[in-house]
Amino acid sequence: ESILLKVDTTKPEDSTVLQKLGPLGAAINENAQPFPSGEALEKVAEGSSTVCMRTSFCDEGLRISRNEDKRNEVYVWKRKSFGKGMDF
């Protein structure tokens, strides 16, 4: 199965650069606004903010996916820990 992903915004989390700034870096990290990456990508090349990913393996700790357009490029995601979950 495949999933179509569209980039809307991006925001660095736990940036190693900001960590080096101590409390100032923590304040910047907490208050920084997301960057409109999808809009910027679309201005460069139409459709570049969208990718179709095919997952070949997935369990609670590991996911292996490939870009449908670039089958030789493999994306491996490994869970570091389980979060607290979402509040509803």
C-alpha atoms as a PDB file:
ATOM      1  CA  GLU A   1       0.000   0.000   0.000  1.00  0.00           C
ATOM      2  CA  SER A   2       1.014   3.596  -0.576  1.00  0.00           C
ATOM      3  CA  ILE A   3       0.313   6.865   1.147  1.00  0.00           C
ATOM      4  CA  LEU A   4       0.407  10.299  -0.440  1.00  0.00           C
ATOM      5  CA  LEU A   5       2.273  12.794   1.768  1.00  0.00           C
ATOM      6  CA  LYS A   6       2.125  16.557   1.326  1.00  0.00           C
ATOM      7  CA  VAL A   7       4.522  18.867   3.141  1.00  0.00           C
ATOM      8  CA  ASP A   8       2.682  21.819   4.646  1.00  0.00           C
ATOM      9  CA  THR A   9       5.096  23.291   7.192  1.00  0.00           C
ATOM     10  CA  THR A  10       8.309  22.255   8.896  1.00  0.00           C
ATOM     11  CA  LYS A  11       9.782  23.119  12.264  1.00  0.00           C
ATOM     12  CA  PRO A  12      12.988  21.740  13.752  1.00  0.00           C
ATOM     13  CA  GLU A  13      12.543  19.891  17.038  1.00  0.00           C
ATOM     14  CA  ASP A  14      15.349  19.312  19.501  1.00  0.00           C
ATOM     15  CA  SER A  15      17.837  21.102  17.253  1.00  0.00           C
ATOM     16  CA  THR A  16      21.426  20.343  18.271  1.00  0.00           C
ATOM     17  CA  VAL A  17      22.369  23.894  17.256  1.00  0.00           C
ATOM     18  CA  LEU A  18      19.754  25.395  19.568  1.00  0.00           C
ATOM     19  CA  GLN A  19      20.765  23.028  22.384  1.00  0.00           C
ATOM     20  CA  LYS A  20      24.218  24.612  22.343  1.00  0.00           C
ATOM     21  CA  LEU A  21      22.617  27.987  23.138  1.00  0.00           C
ATOM     22  CA  GLY A  22      21.241  26.769  26.467  1.00  0.00           C
ATOM     23  CA  PRO A  23      18.179  28.612  27.813  1.00  0.00           C
ATOM     24  CA  LEU A  24      18.149  31.008  24.847  1.00  0.00           C
ATOM     25  CA  GLY A  25      18.030  28.046  22.444  1.00  0.00           C
ATOM     26  CA  ALA A  26      15.214  26.450  24.473  1.00  0.00           C
ATOM     27  CA  ALA A  27      13.204  29.683  24.274  1.00  0.00           C
ATOM     28  CA  ILE A  28      13.751  29.934  20.512  1.00  0.00           C
ATOM     29  CA  ASN A  29      12.806  26.253  20.064  1.00  0.00           C
ATOM     30  CA  GLU A  30       9.560  26.681  22.024  1.00  0.00           C
ATOM     31  CA  ASN A  31       8.487  29.929  20.344  1.00  0.00           C
ATOM     32  CA  ALA A  32       9.658  29.513  16.738  1.00  0.00           C
ATOM     33  CA  GLN A  33       6.879  29.541  14.156  1.00  0.00           C
ATOM     34  CA  PRO A  34       6.698  26.739  11.557  1.00  0.00           C
ATOM     35  CA  PHE A  35       8.194  27.522   8.143  1.00  0.00           C
ATOM     36  CA  PRO A  36       5.752  27.236   5.174  1.00  0.00           C
ATOM     37  CA  SER A  37       7.916  24.630   3.419  1.00  0.00           C
ATOM     38  CA  GLY A  38       5.148  23.285   1.192  1.00  0.00           C
ATOM     39  CA  GLU A  39       4.449  26.702  -0.272  1.00  0.00           C
ATOM     40  CA  ALA A  40       8.172  27.330  -0.833  1.00  0.00           C
ATOM     41  CA  LEU A  41       8.647  23.940  -2.525  1.00  0.00           C
ATOM     42  CA  GLU A  42       5.679  24.510  -4.826  1.00  0.00           C
ATOM     43  CA  LYS A  43       7.129  27.868  -5.935  1.00  0.00           C
ATOM     44  CA  VAL A  44      10.323  26.092  -7.004  1.00  0.00           C
ATOM     45  CA  ALA A  45       8.641  23.182  -8.793  1.00  0.00           C
ATOM     46  CA  GLU A  46       4.936  22.343  -8.949  1.00  0.00           C
ATOM     47  CA  GLY A  47       4.198  19.064  -7.167  1.00  0.00           C
ATOM     48  CA  SER A  48       7.481  19.051  -5.252  1.00  0.00           C
ATOM     49  CA  SER A  49       5.741  19.264  -1.868  1.00  0.00           C
ATOM     50  CA  THR A  50       4.020  15.895  -2.468  1.00  0.00           C
ATOM     51  CA  VAL A  51       5.515  12.410  -2.385  1.00  0.00           C
ATOM     52  CA  CYS A  52       3.976   8.931  -2.620  1.00  0.00           C
ATOM     53  CA  MET A  53       5.526   6.536  -0.094  1.00  0.00           C
ATOM     54  CA  ARG A  54       5.181   2.741  -0.206  1.00  0.00           C
ATOM     55  CA  THR A  55       5.740   1.012   3.145  1.00  0.00           C
ATOM     56  CA  SER A  56       7.207  -2.490   2.906  1.00  0.00           C
ATOM     57  CA  PHE A  57       7.511  -3.139   6.657  1.00  0.00           C
ATOM     58  CA  CYS A  58       5.946  -1.558   9.714  1.00  0.00           C
ATOM     59  CA  ASP A  59       5.596  -2.526  13.367  1.00  0.00           C
ATOM     60  CA  GLU A  60       5.444  -0.543  16.616  1.00  0.00           C
ATOM     61  CA  GLY A  61       9.176   0.230  16.532  1.00  0.00           C
ATOM     62  CA  LEU A  62      10.301   0.266  12.890  1.00  0.00           C
ATOM     63  CA  ARG A  63       9.009   1.440   9.510  1.00  0.00           C
ATOM     64  CA  ILE A  64      10.678   0.880   6.127  1.00  0.00           C
ATOM     65  CA  SER A  65       9.319   2.895   3.195  1.00  0.00           C
ATOM     66  CA  ARG A  66      10.339   3.901  -0.312  1.00  0.00           C
ATOM     67  CA  ASN A  67       9.492   6.841  -2.534  1.00  0.00           C
ATOM     68  CA  GLU A  68       7.359   5.527  -5.421  1.00  0.00           C
ATOM     69  CA  ASP A  69       9.307   7.724  -7.870  1.00  0.00           C
ATOM     70  CA  LYS A  70      12.771   6.807  -6.539  1.00  0.00           C
ATOM     71  CA  ARG A  71      12.654   3.117  -5.606  1.00  0.00           C
ATOM     72  CA  ASN A  72      16.389   3.013  -4.753  1.00  0.00           C
ATOM     73  CA  GLU A  73      15.953   5.560  -1.951  1.00  0.00           C
ATOM     74  CA  VAL A  74      14.896   3.845   1.274  1.00  0.00           C
ATOM     75  CA  TYR A  75      13.528   5.653   4.338  1.00  0.00           C
ATOM     76  CA  VAL A  76      13.979   3.825   7.653  1.00  0.00           C
ATOM     77  CA  TRP A  77      12.285   5.220  10.754  1.00  0.00           C
ATOM     78  CA  LYS A  78      13.016   3.787  14.201  1.00  0.00           C
ATOM     79  CA  ARG A  79      11.006   4.754  17.272  1.00  0.00           C
ATOM     80  CA  LYS A  80      13.173   6.052  20.132  1.00  0.00           C
ATOM     81  CA  SER A  81      10.436   5.844  22.740  1.00  0.00           C
ATOM     82  CA  PHE A  82       6.688   5.932  23.170  1.00  0.00           C
ATOM     83  CA  GLY A  83       5.227   9.332  23.921  1.00  0.00           C
ATOM     84  CA  LYS A  84       2.479  10.182  26.378  1.00  0.00           C
ATOM     85  CA  GLY A  85      -0.125  10.150  23.617  1.00  0.00           C
ATOM     86  CA  MET A  86      -2.631  12.799  22.674  1.00  0.00           C
ATOM     87  CA  ASP A  87      -5.186  14.517  24.878  1.00  0.00           C
ATOM     88  CA  PHE A  88      -8.709  14.703  23.497  1.00  0.00           C
END
